Each structure stands twice: as C-alpha cells, then as structure tokens.
Amino acid sequence: MLICILSLISFLIATVFECWPVDFSWKGWDGEQHWGKCTNINVQGWTNAAANIAMDLVIIALPLPQLVNLHLPLRKKIFVCFMFSIGFL
C-alpha cells in the first residue's frame, strides 16, 4: 500500500510541476510569447503506466505463496491458484 501511495504522490507532483514555471502549462498554449519549458508528457504517461502494471502484477502475485501452503488436495490448490491468477488477464 505504501508503494502505491508513494507512486501516486510522486506522479501527482510530477504532473503539477511538468512545466517550469508552473503557469506555463496553461499560458504556453495561448499563442502569445511566454518563456518556459515542459517535460515530455508522453514519457511521463508511459512511465506511470508501466509502474502501475508492475505494481498490479506484484499485488496479484502476493497471495500465491500463501495459497500453495494451504492444506488442500493438489487439484483444489491448482484451482484456487488459478482463480487468484485470473487477474493477470
């Protein structure tokens, strides 16, 4: 949970300060001459997407070791692990 929250906060900060000065984000599009520089929003979006996918896969895989240790027949263990692994799709 902490990693997800820290990721959210870091992406929020990166989005707010994507342009320097910050007001260049909305003033840079009005057609007038303004000084400023912005980061590549596409790279930021793809990086955030990759980080979220990685966190999702880790979160889905977290219960699998505990499921393997359940006192169930092998067939039921396989079905329970399969049921939890559906999230990978």
N, C-alpha and C. Protein backbone atom coordinates (compact mmCIF):
# COMPACT_ATOMS: atom_id res chain seq x y z
N MET A 1 0.82 -1.18 0.00
CA MET A 1 0.00 0.00 0.00
C MET A 1 0.86 1.26 0.00
N LEU A 2 1.93 1.22 0.79
CA LEU A 2 2.80 2.38 0.88
C LEU A 2 3.44 2.70 -0.48
N ILE A 3 3.86 1.67 -1.19
CA ILE A 3 4.46 1.90 -2.51
C ILE A 3 3.43 2.49 -3.46
N CYS A 4 2.20 2.02 -3.41
CA CYS A 4 1.15 2.57 -4.28
C CYS A 4 0.88 4.03 -3.93
N ILE A 5 0.81 4.36 -2.65
CA ILE A 5 0.56 5.74 -2.24
C ILE A 5 1.72 6.64 -2.62
N LEU A 6 2.95 6.17 -2.41
CA LEU A 6 4.12 6.97 -2.80
C LEU A 6 4.18 7.18 -4.31
N SER A 7 3.79 6.17 -5.06
CA SER A 7 3.74 6.30 -6.51
C SER A 7 2.71 7.34 -6.93
N LEU A 8 1.55 7.30 -6.29
CA LEU A 8 0.51 8.29 -6.58
C LEU A 8 1.00 9.70 -6.28
N ILE A 9 1.63 9.89 -5.13
CA ILE A 9 2.11 11.22 -4.75
C ILE A 9 3.20 11.69 -5.72
N SER A 10 4.12 10.80 -6.07
CA SER A 10 5.19 11.21 -6.99
C SER A 10 4.64 11.55 -8.37
N PHE A 11 3.67 10.80 -8.87
CA PHE A 11 3.08 11.12 -10.17
C PHE A 11 2.31 12.43 -10.11
N LEU A 12 1.63 12.67 -9.00
CA LEU A 12 0.90 13.92 -8.83
C LEU A 12 1.85 15.12 -8.83
N ILE A 13 2.95 15.00 -8.11
CA ILE A 13 3.93 16.08 -8.07
C ILE A 13 4.56 16.28 -9.45
N ALA A 14 4.87 15.18 -10.13
CA ALA A 14 5.46 15.29 -11.47
C ALA A 14 4.48 15.94 -12.45
N THR A 15 3.19 15.68 -12.28
CA THR A 15 2.20 16.27 -13.16
C THR A 15 2.02 17.76 -12.88
N VAL A 16 1.99 18.12 -11.61
CA VAL A 16 1.81 19.53 -11.26
C VAL A 16 2.99 20.35 -11.73
N PHE A 17 4.20 19.81 -11.58
CA PHE A 17 5.40 20.55 -11.94
C PHE A 17 6.00 20.10 -13.27
N GLU A 18 5.14 19.67 -14.22
CA GLU A 18 5.65 19.22 -15.51
C GLU A 18 6.21 20.37 -16.33
N CYS A 19 5.76 21.58 -16.06
CA CYS A 19 6.28 22.76 -16.75
C CYS A 19 6.93 23.70 -15.73
N TRP A 20 7.97 24.38 -16.20
CA TRP A 20 8.62 25.37 -15.34
C TRP A 20 8.73 26.68 -16.09
N PRO A 21 8.16 27.73 -15.65
CA PRO A 21 7.34 27.90 -14.46
C PRO A 21 6.00 27.17 -14.61
N VAL A 22 5.38 26.89 -13.48
CA VAL A 22 4.18 26.06 -13.47
C VAL A 22 3.07 26.65 -14.33
N ASP A 23 2.92 27.97 -14.33
CA ASP A 23 1.84 28.57 -15.12
C ASP A 23 2.06 28.46 -16.62
N PHE A 24 3.24 28.02 -17.05
CA PHE A 24 3.48 27.80 -18.48
C PHE A 24 2.60 26.68 -19.03
N SER A 25 2.11 25.78 -18.15
CA SER A 25 1.23 24.70 -18.61
C SER A 25 -0.03 25.24 -19.25
N TRP A 26 -0.57 26.31 -18.72
CA TRP A 26 -1.79 26.86 -19.32
C TRP A 26 -1.53 28.13 -20.13
N LYS A 27 -0.42 28.83 -19.88
CA LYS A 27 -0.14 30.02 -20.66
C LYS A 27 0.61 29.69 -21.96
N GLY A 28 1.26 28.54 -22.01
CA GLY A 28 2.04 28.19 -23.18
C GLY A 28 1.22 27.90 -24.42
N TRP A 29 -0.09 27.79 -24.28
CA TRP A 29 -0.95 27.41 -25.40
C TRP A 29 -1.78 28.57 -25.94
N ASP A 30 -1.62 29.78 -25.41
CA ASP A 30 -2.49 30.88 -25.82
C ASP A 30 -1.99 31.62 -27.06
N GLY A 31 -0.88 31.21 -27.62
CA GLY A 31 -0.39 31.82 -28.84
C GLY A 31 0.50 33.03 -28.62
N GLU A 32 0.62 33.49 -27.40
CA GLU A 32 1.49 34.62 -27.11
C GLU A 32 2.88 34.11 -26.74
N GLN A 33 3.83 35.02 -26.67
CA GLN A 33 5.20 34.65 -26.37
C GLN A 33 5.37 34.51 -24.85
N HIS A 34 5.70 33.30 -24.40
CA HIS A 34 5.96 33.05 -22.98
C HIS A 34 7.25 32.25 -22.88
N TRP A 35 7.95 32.44 -21.78
CA TRP A 35 9.16 31.67 -21.53
C TRP A 35 8.82 30.51 -20.62
N GLY A 36 9.29 29.34 -20.96
CA GLY A 36 9.06 28.17 -20.12
C GLY A 36 9.51 26.90 -20.81
N LYS A 37 9.51 25.84 -20.06
CA LYS A 37 9.91 24.53 -20.58
C LYS A 37 9.08 23.46 -19.90
N CYS A 38 8.63 22.47 -20.68
CA CYS A 38 7.83 21.37 -20.14
C CYS A 38 8.53 20.04 -20.41
N THR A 39 8.26 19.10 -19.54
CA THR A 39 8.78 17.75 -19.76
C THR A 39 7.92 17.06 -20.81
N ASN A 40 8.38 15.92 -21.27
CA ASN A 40 7.64 15.15 -22.26
C ASN A 40 6.50 14.41 -21.55
N ILE A 41 5.27 14.84 -21.80
CA ILE A 41 4.10 14.25 -21.13
C ILE A 41 3.87 12.81 -21.55
N ASN A 42 4.28 12.45 -22.78
CA ASN A 42 4.12 11.07 -23.24
C ASN A 42 5.02 10.12 -22.45
N VAL A 43 6.26 10.53 -22.22
CA VAL A 43 7.17 9.69 -21.43
C VAL A 43 6.63 9.54 -20.02
N GLN A 44 6.12 10.62 -19.47
CA GLN A 44 5.57 10.57 -18.12
C GLN A 44 4.37 9.60 -18.06
N GLY A 45 3.50 9.67 -19.03
CA GLY A 45 2.35 8.77 -19.07
C GLY A 45 2.73 7.32 -19.22
N TRP A 46 3.67 7.04 -20.14
CA TRP A 46 4.11 5.65 -20.33
C TRP A 46 4.84 5.11 -19.10
N THR A 47 5.63 5.95 -18.46
CA THR A 47 6.33 5.53 -17.25
C THR A 47 5.34 5.22 -16.14
N ASN A 48 4.34 6.06 -15.99
CA ASN A 48 3.32 5.81 -14.97
C ASN A 48 2.55 4.53 -15.27
N ALA A 49 2.22 4.31 -16.54
CA ALA A 49 1.51 3.09 -16.92
C ALA A 49 2.33 1.84 -16.62
N ALA A 50 3.62 1.89 -16.95
CA ALA A 50 4.50 0.74 -16.69
C ALA A 50 4.62 0.48 -15.19
N ALA A 51 4.76 1.53 -14.40
CA ALA A 51 4.86 1.36 -12.95
C ALA A 51 3.57 0.78 -12.38
N ASN A 52 2.42 1.24 -12.88
CA ASN A 52 1.15 0.72 -12.40
C ASN A 52 0.95 -0.74 -12.79
N ILE A 53 1.35 -1.12 -13.98
CA ILE A 53 1.25 -2.52 -14.40
C ILE A 53 2.13 -3.40 -13.53
N ALA A 54 3.35 -2.94 -13.26
CA ALA A 54 4.26 -3.71 -12.41
C ALA A 54 3.68 -3.87 -11.00
N MET A 55 3.14 -2.79 -10.45
CA MET A 55 2.54 -2.88 -9.11
C MET A 55 1.32 -3.80 -9.11
N ASP A 56 0.52 -3.76 -10.16
CA ASP A 56 -0.64 -4.65 -10.25
C ASP A 56 -0.21 -6.11 -10.27
N LEU A 57 0.82 -6.42 -11.04
CA LEU A 57 1.29 -7.80 -11.10
C LEU A 57 1.83 -8.28 -9.75
N VAL A 58 2.53 -7.41 -9.05
CA VAL A 58 3.04 -7.78 -7.72
C VAL A 58 1.88 -8.00 -6.76
N ILE A 59 0.88 -7.12 -6.80
CA ILE A 59 -0.26 -7.25 -5.90
C ILE A 59 -1.04 -8.54 -6.19
N ILE A 60 -1.17 -8.89 -7.46
CA ILE A 60 -1.87 -10.13 -7.82
C ILE A 60 -1.07 -11.34 -7.35
N ALA A 61 0.25 -11.28 -7.44
CA ALA A 61 1.09 -12.42 -7.07
C ALA A 61 1.29 -12.57 -5.56
N LEU A 62 0.98 -11.54 -4.77
CA LEU A 62 1.22 -11.61 -3.33
C LEU A 62 0.56 -12.80 -2.63
N PRO A 63 -0.70 -13.13 -2.88
CA PRO A 63 -1.31 -14.23 -2.12
C PRO A 63 -0.91 -15.63 -2.60
N LEU A 64 -0.27 -15.76 -3.75
CA LEU A 64 0.00 -17.09 -4.30
C LEU A 64 0.88 -17.96 -3.40
N PRO A 65 1.95 -17.47 -2.77
CA PRO A 65 2.72 -18.34 -1.87
C PRO A 65 1.91 -18.85 -0.68
N GLN A 66 1.00 -18.01 -0.16
CA GLN A 66 0.16 -18.46 0.95
C GLN A 66 -0.85 -19.51 0.48
N LEU A 67 -1.31 -19.39 -0.74
CA LEU A 67 -2.27 -20.36 -1.27
C LEU A 67 -1.63 -21.72 -1.46
N VAL A 68 -0.36 -21.74 -1.82
CA VAL A 68 0.35 -23.00 -2.01
C VAL A 68 0.47 -23.75 -0.69
N ASN A 69 0.56 -23.02 0.42
CA ASN A 69 0.72 -23.66 1.73
C ASN A 69 -0.59 -24.10 2.36
N LEU A 70 -1.71 -23.92 1.70
CA LEU A 70 -2.99 -24.37 2.24
C LEU A 70 -3.03 -25.89 2.32
N HIS A 71 -3.74 -26.39 3.30
CA HIS A 71 -3.89 -27.84 3.46
C HIS A 71 -5.10 -28.30 2.64
N LEU A 72 -4.88 -28.39 1.35
CA LEU A 72 -5.91 -28.81 0.40
C LEU A 72 -5.31 -29.85 -0.53
N PRO A 73 -6.17 -30.66 -1.14
CA PRO A 73 -5.66 -31.56 -2.18
C PRO A 73 -5.04 -30.76 -3.32
N LEU A 74 -4.12 -31.38 -4.02
CA LEU A 74 -3.39 -30.71 -5.09
C LEU A 74 -4.33 -30.10 -6.13
N ARG A 75 -5.36 -30.83 -6.49
CA ARG A 75 -6.30 -30.35 -7.51
C ARG A 75 -6.97 -29.05 -7.06
N LYS A 76 -7.39 -28.99 -5.80
CA LYS A 76 -8.04 -27.79 -5.29
C LYS A 76 -7.04 -26.63 -5.18
N LYS A 77 -5.80 -26.93 -4.80
CA LYS A 77 -4.77 -25.88 -4.75
C LYS A 77 -4.57 -25.25 -6.12
N ILE A 78 -4.52 -26.10 -7.14
CA ILE A 78 -4.32 -25.60 -8.51
C ILE A 78 -5.50 -24.72 -8.91
N PHE A 79 -6.73 -25.15 -8.60
CA PHE A 79 -7.90 -24.35 -8.95
C PHE A 79 -7.94 -23.03 -8.20
N VAL A 80 -7.58 -23.04 -6.92
CA VAL A 80 -7.58 -21.80 -6.14
C VAL A 80 -6.51 -20.86 -6.66
N CYS A 81 -5.31 -21.36 -6.95
CA CYS A 81 -4.26 -20.51 -7.52
C CYS A 81 -4.66 -19.96 -8.88
N PHE A 82 -5.33 -20.80 -9.68
CA PHE A 82 -5.81 -20.35 -10.98
C PHE A 82 -6.84 -19.24 -10.82
N MET A 83 -7.75 -19.40 -9.84
CA MET A 83 -8.77 -18.40 -9.61
C MET A 83 -8.14 -17.05 -9.22
N PHE A 84 -7.14 -17.07 -8.36
CA PHE A 84 -6.47 -15.83 -7.98
C PHE A 84 -5.63 -15.27 -9.13
N SER A 85 -5.17 -16.12 -10.03
CA SER A 85 -4.33 -15.67 -11.14
C SER A 85 -5.12 -15.13 -12.32
N ILE A 86 -6.43 -15.21 -12.28
CA ILE A 86 -7.27 -14.67 -13.35
C ILE A 86 -7.00 -13.17 -13.54
N GLY A 87 -6.61 -12.48 -12.48
CA GLY A 87 -6.33 -11.05 -12.56
C GLY A 87 -5.21 -10.72 -13.52
N PHE A 88 -4.32 -11.68 -13.81
CA PHE A 88 -3.25 -11.42 -14.78
C PHE A 88 -3.80 -11.13 -16.18
N LEU A 89 -4.99 -11.64 -16.46
CA LEU A 89 -5.58 -11.40 -17.78
C LEU A 89 -6.01 -9.97 -17.91
